[in-house]
């Protein structure tokens, strides 16, 4: 079930009474998305990107809910997509072709024909993909550059073309009477400071100086989430200023005005989502405390894929249960209601009085959570609720 709730602007998903009420009304497991918080994040990014004059794009793979995509399209963000199904989701949500970039690996000729027919900007992953694109009638293309190939400390990965192969790519394009009009880079994921990203971007901007027909640079991924809610948050303003300096240096050396696109990964939507599950059992096994819930890594998969950066887990309740939840707590592992031994959603210090029927909230569940659900373990699809706001951005 999908529900669109209207609420007062001052209410947010951090209002535990509201979360408990929604869980009681619509059932669990439940995803709650706070569109007011999503709007606030969009505005925060936009303000930080003003010095660089950069466009804000969203990676549809982070959250493919049509309601989220429609909201972001109406907020005039762009969309970064990496598959034809997500391309259809983006166009159905209202993203125009001029506000979509397609970036993937190993694109088939049939997919290329669809992209060419729709005149979508496409960032290709290899020189052989460039050749296929131009052979099929493409005249312009973007090229994806491997971030680790700059040797600035990033972990090796398979994405993109080595920076050292740019000259060969340019020769290939010229030979096939095509133009490389853009460069794309995917830096990585969940960086906690701008300094984790800017050295590689400096090398990327220097590389861009060699592309005489360049129109745009697309920077993907990176800005992290403070899942623990302890310590410093990512300094988005400092990153925006660093990006502006790099763009200004590029202009001073080339005298060309380049369109700059920034897609910050999970951080646009992560904080607007909360996953709620109901406790079904509490037990101790060999001195270890377990709390089973009616959720599972099948419908809330991110903890399984990224156990090193777990979600904050906390009890939520209607006000009449608040006193019991304020009692002394101790650590418990929160697990799914399946027999899969790795169905572990995280751990937290939970009240001694925790019992079946109580609710647990998993914060920052708005990215790479519901979009990663699977049929594995045979769990029913969770409910979803969108807290709407009266005015659109």
Protein backbone atom coordinates (compact mmCIF):
# COMPACT_ATOMS: atom_id res chain seq x y z
CA UNK A 1 0.00 0.00 0.00
CA UNK A 2 1.19 3.51 -0.85
CA UNK A 3 -0.21 6.43 1.11
CA UNK A 4 0.22 10.17 0.57
CA UNK A 5 -0.43 11.95 3.87
CA UNK A 6 -0.90 15.70 4.21
CA UNK A 7 0.64 17.18 7.32
CA UNK A 8 1.56 20.47 8.92
CA UNK A 9 4.91 21.81 7.82
CA UNK A 10 6.39 21.70 11.35
CA UNK A 11 5.80 17.95 11.62
CA UNK A 12 8.68 15.72 10.56
CA UNK A 13 9.50 12.03 10.59
CA UNK A 14 11.50 12.63 13.77
CA UNK A 15 8.17 13.06 15.55
CA UNK A 16 7.96 9.60 17.14
CA UNK A 17 4.29 9.96 17.96
CA UNK A 18 3.59 10.58 14.27
CA UNK A 19 5.66 7.53 13.27
CA UNK A 20 3.87 5.31 15.79
CA UNK A 21 0.50 6.56 14.60
CA UNK A 22 1.35 5.85 10.97
CA UNK A 23 2.65 2.38 11.81
CA UNK A 24 -0.56 1.60 13.70
CA UNK A 25 -2.72 2.92 10.86
CA UNK A 26 -0.94 1.40 7.86
CA UNK A 27 0.88 -1.59 9.32
CA UNK A 28 4.50 -2.67 9.39
CA UNK A 29 7.09 -2.99 8.04
CA UNK A 30 6.66 0.57 6.81
CA UNK A 31 8.76 3.11 4.94
CA UNK A 32 7.92 6.72 5.82
CA UNK A 33 9.28 9.47 3.56
CA UNK A 34 9.26 13.07 4.78
CA UNK A 35 9.06 15.33 1.71
CA UNK A 36 9.64 18.46 3.78
CA UNK A 37 12.99 17.07 4.89
CA UNK A 38 13.74 16.10 1.28
CA UNK A 39 13.03 19.66 0.15
CA UNK A 40 15.31 21.03 2.86
CA UNK A 41 18.17 18.84 1.62
CA UNK A 42 17.63 19.94 -1.98
CA UNK A 43 17.77 23.58 -0.92
CA UNK A 44 20.90 22.96 1.16
CA UNK A 45 22.70 21.43 -1.82
CA UNK A 46 21.52 24.15 -4.18
CA UNK A 47 22.82 26.88 -1.90
CA UNK A 48 26.20 25.15 -1.64
CA UNK A 49 26.47 24.75 -5.42
CA UNK A 50 25.74 28.41 -6.25
CA UNK A 51 29.43 29.47 -6.26
CA UNK A 52 30.22 26.72 -8.78
CA UNK A 53 27.10 27.33 -10.85
CA UNK A 54 26.49 23.58 -10.81
CA UNK A 55 23.25 21.78 -11.64
CA UNK A 56 21.95 19.29 -9.06
CA UNK A 57 21.11 15.81 -10.36
CA UNK A 58 19.71 12.75 -8.57
CA UNK A 59 20.76 9.12 -9.05
CA UNK A 60 17.52 7.21 -9.58
CA UNK A 61 19.10 3.96 -8.36
CA UNK A 62 19.33 5.48 -4.86
CA UNK A 63 15.54 5.64 -4.61
CA UNK A 64 13.24 4.68 -7.45
CA UNK A 65 9.89 5.46 -5.78
CA UNK A 66 7.74 7.29 -8.37
CA UNK A 67 6.56 9.76 -5.71
CA UNK A 68 10.16 10.70 -4.86
CA UNK A 69 11.14 11.01 -8.52
CA UNK A 70 8.09 13.14 -9.34
CA UNK A 71 8.82 15.42 -6.39
CA UNK A 72 12.43 15.90 -7.51
CA UNK A 73 11.42 16.46 -11.14
CA UNK A 74 9.01 19.16 -10.00
CA UNK A 75 11.88 20.67 -7.98
CA UNK A 76 13.73 20.88 -11.34
CA UNK A 77 16.57 18.51 -10.52
CA UNK A 78 18.16 16.44 -13.23
CA UNK A 79 18.29 12.64 -13.24
CA UNK A 80 21.25 10.31 -13.58
CA UNK A 81 20.06 6.89 -14.74
CA UNK A 82 21.89 3.67 -15.59
CA UNK A 83 19.24 1.39 -17.09
CA UNK A 84 16.34 1.61 -19.51
CA UNK A 85 13.75 0.75 -16.83
CA UNK A 86 15.03 3.67 -14.75
CA UNK A 87 15.03 5.85 -17.86
CA UNK A 88 11.32 5.10 -18.23
CA UNK A 89 10.73 5.86 -14.55
CA UNK A 90 12.51 9.19 -14.94
CA UNK A 91 10.59 10.27 -18.04
CA UNK A 92 7.28 9.15 -16.50
CA UNK A 93 8.12 11.23 -13.41
CA UNK A 94 8.53 14.33 -15.53
CA UNK A 95 12.27 14.65 -16.13
CA UNK A 96 12.82 16.09 -19.59
CA UNK A 97 15.35 14.54 -21.97
CA UNK A 98 17.57 17.60 -21.54
CA UNK A 99 17.67 16.94 -17.76
CA UNK A 100 18.62 13.26 -17.98
CA UNK A 101 22.04 11.70 -18.39
CA UNK A 102 22.46 7.98 -19.00
CA UNK A 103 25.63 6.43 -17.63
CA UNK A 104 26.26 2.70 -17.44
CA UNK A 105 28.67 -0.08 -18.41
CA UNK A 106 28.45 -2.57 -21.25
CA UNK A 107 25.49 -0.90 -22.96
CA UNK A 108 23.99 -3.11 -25.65
CA UNK A 109 23.47 -1.90 -29.24
CA UNK A 110 19.70 -2.12 -28.75
CA UNK A 111 19.91 0.11 -25.69
CA UNK A 112 22.10 2.54 -27.61
CA UNK A 113 19.47 2.78 -30.34
CA UNK A 114 16.83 3.72 -27.75
CA UNK A 115 19.09 6.37 -26.26
CA UNK A 116 19.99 7.78 -29.65
CA UNK A 117 16.33 7.85 -30.68
CA UNK A 118 15.42 9.81 -27.56
CA UNK A 119 18.44 12.11 -27.89
CA UNK A 120 19.55 11.41 -24.34
CA UNK A 121 23.03 12.43 -23.31
CA UNK A 122 25.05 9.29 -22.70
CA UNK A 123 28.37 8.78 -20.93
CA UNK A 124 30.07 5.70 -22.32
CA UNK A 125 32.31 3.39 -20.34
CA UNK A 126 35.05 2.40 -22.80
CA UNK A 127 36.61 3.17 -26.14
CA UNK A 128 34.91 0.17 -27.71
CA UNK A 129 31.56 1.51 -26.47
CA UNK A 130 32.41 4.85 -28.10
CA UNK A 131 33.06 3.05 -31.37
CA UNK A 132 29.70 1.24 -31.20
CA UNK A 133 27.91 4.49 -30.40
CA UNK A 134 29.41 6.36 -33.37
CA UNK A 135 28.93 3.36 -35.65
CA UNK A 136 25.19 3.41 -34.84
CA UNK A 137 24.91 7.04 -35.88
CA UNK A 138 25.79 8.92 -32.73
CA UNK A 139 27.66 12.15 -33.33
CA UNK A 140 28.31 13.27 -29.74
CA UNK A 141 29.03 11.35 -26.54
CA UNK A 142 30.34 11.62 -23.03
CA UNK A 143 33.16 9.45 -21.70
CA UNK A 144 33.29 7.98 -18.22
CA UNK A 145 36.70 8.24 -16.54
CA UNK A 146 37.88 5.76 -13.89
CA UNK A 147 38.43 7.72 -10.68
CA UNK A 148 41.08 5.39 -9.25
CA UNK A 149 43.20 5.76 -12.40
CA UNK A 150 44.29 9.21 -11.15
CA UNK A 151 46.20 7.50 -8.31
CA UNK A 152 44.87 9.87 -5.66
CA UNK A 153 44.18 7.20 -3.03
CA UNK A 154 40.80 5.86 -4.13
CA UNK A 155 40.17 2.12 -4.14
CA UNK A 156 40.45 0.45 -7.58
CA UNK A 157 37.19 -0.36 -9.34
CA UNK A 158 35.95 -1.43 -12.77
CA UNK A 159 34.03 1.71 -13.68
CA UNK A 160 35.05 3.84 -16.66
CA UNK A 161 38.11 4.33 -18.85
CA UNK A 162 41.62 4.96 -17.53
CA UNK A 163 42.59 8.62 -17.57
CA UNK A 164 45.69 7.65 -19.54
CA UNK A 165 43.46 6.45 -22.40
CA UNK A 166 41.78 9.82 -22.97
CA UNK A 167 44.01 10.69 -25.94
CA UNK A 168 43.18 7.37 -27.60
CA UNK A 169 39.48 8.05 -27.02
CA UNK A 170 39.80 11.49 -28.63
CA UNK A 171 41.60 10.01 -31.64
CA UNK A 172 38.91 7.34 -31.93
CA UNK A 173 36.15 9.93 -31.89
CA UNK A 174 37.87 12.05 -34.52
CA UNK A 175 38.48 9.00 -36.73
CA UNK A 176 34.77 8.15 -36.58
CA UNK A 177 33.71 11.75 -37.10
CA UNK A 178 32.25 12.06 -33.64
CA UNK A 179 32.81 14.45 -30.75
CA UNK A 180 33.46 13.84 -27.07
CA UNK A 181 31.33 16.53 -25.49
CA UNK A 182 31.40 15.49 -21.86
CA UNK A 183 33.40 13.72 -19.18
CA UNK A 184 31.89 11.81 -16.29
CA UNK A 185 33.51 10.58 -13.09
CA UNK A 186 32.14 8.44 -10.30
CA UNK A 187 34.26 9.15 -7.24
CA UNK A 188 32.94 6.47 -4.92
CA UNK A 189 30.45 6.43 -2.10
CA UNK A 190 29.79 7.76 1.38
CA UNK A 191 32.77 10.10 1.74
CA UNK A 192 32.69 11.94 5.05
CA UNK A 193 34.74 15.06 4.18
CA UNK A 194 35.31 17.19 1.06
CA UNK A 195 39.04 16.44 1.27
CA UNK A 196 38.25 12.82 0.44
CA UNK A 197 36.95 13.96 -2.95
CA UNK A 198 38.62 17.19 -4.04
CA UNK A 199 42.16 15.86 -4.85
CA UNK A 200 40.76 13.41 -7.40
CA UNK A 201 38.47 16.10 -8.80
CA UNK A 202 41.46 18.40 -9.24
CA UNK A 203 43.10 15.79 -11.46
CA UNK A 204 39.80 15.27 -13.29
CA UNK A 205 39.47 18.99 -14.08
CA UNK A 206 43.06 19.06 -15.31
CA UNK A 207 42.27 16.16 -17.63
CA UNK A 208 39.25 18.05 -18.93
CA UNK A 209 41.52 20.80 -20.28
CA UNK A 210 42.57 18.41 -23.06
CA UNK A 211 39.06 17.97 -24.51
CA UNK A 212 38.65 20.85 -26.94
CA UNK A 213 34.97 20.15 -27.70
CA UNK A 214 33.99 19.75 -24.04
CA UNK A 215 30.54 21.03 -23.04
CA UNK A 216 29.93 19.44 -19.65
CA UNK A 217 31.48 17.68 -16.68
CA UNK A 218 29.34 15.23 -14.70
CA UNK A 219 30.55 14.43 -11.17
CA UNK A 220 28.81 11.48 -9.57
CA UNK A 221 28.62 10.04 -6.09
CA UNK A 222 30.34 10.86 -2.90
CA UNK A 223 28.63 12.90 -0.21
CA UNK A 224 28.24 10.65 2.81
CA UNK A 225 25.66 10.24 5.52
CA UNK A 226 26.50 10.35 9.22
CA UNK A 227 24.57 7.18 10.00
CA UNK A 228 25.78 7.11 13.61
CA UNK A 229 24.58 10.68 14.28
CA UNK A 230 27.82 11.35 16.17
CA UNK A 231 30.62 13.71 15.17
CA UNK A 232 30.77 16.12 12.26
CA UNK A 233 28.53 16.12 9.21
CA UNK A 234 29.83 16.45 5.67
CA UNK A 235 30.64 20.11 5.00
CA UNK A 236 28.60 20.69 1.85
CA UNK A 237 29.42 24.41 1.75
CA UNK A 238 33.17 23.72 1.79
CA UNK A 239 32.77 21.18 -1.00
CA UNK A 240 30.81 23.68 -3.09
CA UNK A 241 33.54 26.28 -2.64
CA UNK A 242 36.20 23.74 -3.62
CA UNK A 243 34.22 22.85 -6.73
CA UNK A 244 33.93 26.54 -7.63
CA UNK A 245 37.71 26.97 -7.41
CA UNK A 246 38.29 24.03 -9.74
CA UNK A 247 35.78 25.36 -12.25
CA UNK A 248 37.37 28.81 -12.19
CA UNK A 249 40.83 27.32 -12.81
CA UNK A 250 39.47 25.35 -15.76
CA UNK A 251 37.94 28.50 -17.23
CA UNK A 252 41.12 30.54 -16.72
CA UNK A 253 43.13 27.95 -18.64
CA UNK A 254 40.67 27.18 -21.46
CA UNK A 255 38.39 30.27 -21.60
CA UNK A 256 35.50 27.86 -22.11
CA UNK A 257 32.29 27.92 -20.09
CA UNK A 258 31.53 24.35 -19.09
CA UNK A 259 28.22 23.05 -17.76
CA UNK A 260 28.85 21.45 -14.38
CA UNK A 261 26.63 18.67 -13.05
CA UNK A 262 26.87 17.27 -9.55
CA UNK A 263 25.08 14.10 -8.46
CA UNK A 264 25.82 13.61 -4.73
CA UNK A 265 24.69 10.01 -4.39
CA UNK A 266 22.60 8.86 -1.47
CA UNK A 267 22.68 12.11 0.45
CA UNK A 268 19.73 13.81 -1.28
CA UNK A 269 17.17 11.27 -0.06
CA UNK A 270 18.78 9.23 2.73
CA UNK A 271 17.77 11.43 5.63
CA UNK A 272 14.15 11.86 4.49
CA UNK A 273 13.31 8.17 4.97
CA UNK A 274 12.60 6.07 8.07
CA UNK A 275 12.00 2.33 8.13
CA UNK A 276 9.69 1.09 10.89
CA UNK A 277 9.38 -2.53 12.01
CA UNK A 278 7.45 -4.20 14.81
CA UNK A 279 9.12 -6.40 17.40
CA UNK A 280 7.89 -9.99 17.16
CA UNK A 281 10.16 -11.68 19.73
CA UNK A 282 12.85 -10.89 22.30
CA UNK A 283 15.20 -13.62 23.50
CA UNK A 284 18.72 -14.38 24.77
CA UNK A 285 20.93 -17.08 23.27
CA UNK A 286 24.20 -17.89 25.03
CA UNK A 287 24.12 -14.51 26.72
CA UNK A 288 23.38 -12.54 23.53
CA UNK A 289 20.13 -10.62 23.29
CA UNK A 290 18.11 -10.71 20.06
CA UNK A 291 15.05 -8.71 19.05
CA UNK A 292 13.20 -10.16 16.06
CA UNK A 293 11.11 -7.79 13.94
CA UNK A 294 8.62 -8.19 11.11
CA UNK A 295 11.16 -6.68 8.73
CA UNK A 296 14.06 -8.44 7.01
CA UNK A 297 17.16 -7.74 4.95
CA UNK A 298 15.01 -8.82 1.99
CA UNK A 299 12.91 -5.65 2.31
CA UNK A 300 15.50 -3.50 4.11
CA UNK A 301 18.71 -4.71 2.44
CA UNK A 302 21.18 -1.92 3.09
CA UNK A 303 22.43 -3.29 6.47
CA UNK A 304 23.28 -6.57 4.75
CA UNK A 305 25.29 -4.92 1.98
CA UNK A 306 26.95 -2.30 4.20
CA UNK A 307 27.23 -3.65 7.75
CA UNK A 308 30.22 -1.40 8.46
CA UNK A 309 28.02 1.73 8.42
CA UNK A 310 24.83 0.62 10.20
CA UNK A 311 21.66 2.62 10.68
CA UNK A 312 20.76 4.15 14.00
CA UNK A 313 18.00 2.02 15.56
CA UNK A 314 15.70 3.43 18.21
CA UNK A 315 12.37 2.54 19.81
CA UNK A 316 9.35 4.68 18.98
CA UNK A 317 6.04 4.69 20.76
CA UNK A 318 2.84 6.48 21.39
CA UNK A 319 3.11 8.75 24.39
CA UNK A 320 1.53 6.31 26.85
CA UNK A 321 4.48 3.91 26.39
CA UNK A 322 7.16 6.56 26.79
CA UNK A 323 7.85 5.88 30.47
CA UNK A 324 8.60 2.21 29.85
CA UNK A 325 10.99 3.10 27.02
CA UNK A 326 12.93 5.45 29.28
CA UNK A 327 14.09 2.52 31.43
CA UNK A 328 17.67 1.27 31.47
CA UNK A 329 18.69 -0.50 28.29
CA UNK A 330 21.26 -2.96 27.01
CA UNK A 331 22.59 -4.08 23.65
CA UNK A 332 20.46 -6.21 21.38
CA UNK A 333 20.89 -7.48 17.85
CA UNK A 334 17.86 -6.65 15.69
CA UNK A 335 17.13 -9.50 13.29
CA UNK A 336 14.57 -10.42 10.65
CA UNK A 337 11.82 -12.97 11.08
CA UNK A 338 13.49 -15.55 8.86
CA UNK A 339 15.84 -18.50 9.30
CA UNK A 340 18.62 -16.90 7.25
CA UNK A 341 21.50 -16.57 9.71
CA UNK A 342 22.66 -13.29 8.15
CA UNK A 343 19.27 -11.62 8.39
CA UNK A 344 20.68 -9.02 10.79
CA UNK A 345 19.48 -5.42 10.58
CA UNK A 346 21.88 -3.99 13.14
CA UNK A 347 22.39 -3.59 16.86
CA UNK A 348 21.43 -0.98 19.42
CA UNK A 349 21.03 -0.36 23.12
CA UNK A 350 17.33 -1.04 23.58
CA UNK A 351 15.12 -0.80 26.69
CA UNK A 352 15.08 -3.73 29.12
CA UNK A 353 11.31 -3.70 28.85
CA UNK A 354 11.24 -4.15 25.07
CA UNK A 355 8.56 -6.67 24.11
CA UNK A 356 6.62 -7.97 21.09
CA UNK A 357 4.42 -5.29 19.59
CA UNK A 358 6.87 -2.47 20.23
CA UNK A 359 8.12 -0.44 17.27
CA UNK A 360 11.70 0.19 16.15
CA UNK A 361 12.73 2.96 13.75
CA UNK A 362 15.75 2.78 11.46
CA UNK A 363 16.89 6.30 10.59
CA UNK A 364 18.33 7.56 7.28
CA UNK A 365 16.58 4.86 5.26
CA UNK A 366 15.70 6.99 2.25
CA UNK A 367 18.47 5.77 -0.06
CA UNK A 368 19.60 2.29 -1.12
CA UNK A 369 17.02 0.70 1.15
CA UNK A 370 13.64 0.21 -0.48
CA UNK A 371 15.22 0.43 -3.93
CA UNK A 372 17.26 -2.72 -3.15
CA UNK A 373 14.39 -4.97 -2.01
CA UNK A 374 14.25 -8.49 -3.44
CA UNK A 375 12.15 -11.66 -3.46
CA UNK A 376 14.85 -13.39 -1.42
CA UNK A 377 13.44 -14.93 1.78
CA UNK A 378 9.85 -14.59 0.60
CA UNK A 379 8.98 -11.50 2.62
CA UNK A 380 5.92 -9.38 1.75
CA UNK A 381 6.45 -5.93 0.33
CA UNK A 382 6.54 -3.21 2.99
CA UNK A 383 3.95 -0.46 3.22
CA UNK A 384 5.03 3.04 2.23
CA UNK A 385 3.83 6.47 3.26
CA UNK A 386 4.80 9.90 1.93
CA UNK A 387 4.31 12.89 4.20
CA UNK A 388 3.27 15.55 1.73
CA UNK A 389 3.56 19.32 1.96
CA UNK A 390 1.11 21.87 0.71
CA UNK A 391 3.54 23.86 -1.45
CA UNK A 392 5.97 22.53 -4.05
CA UNK A 393 9.47 23.97 -4.57
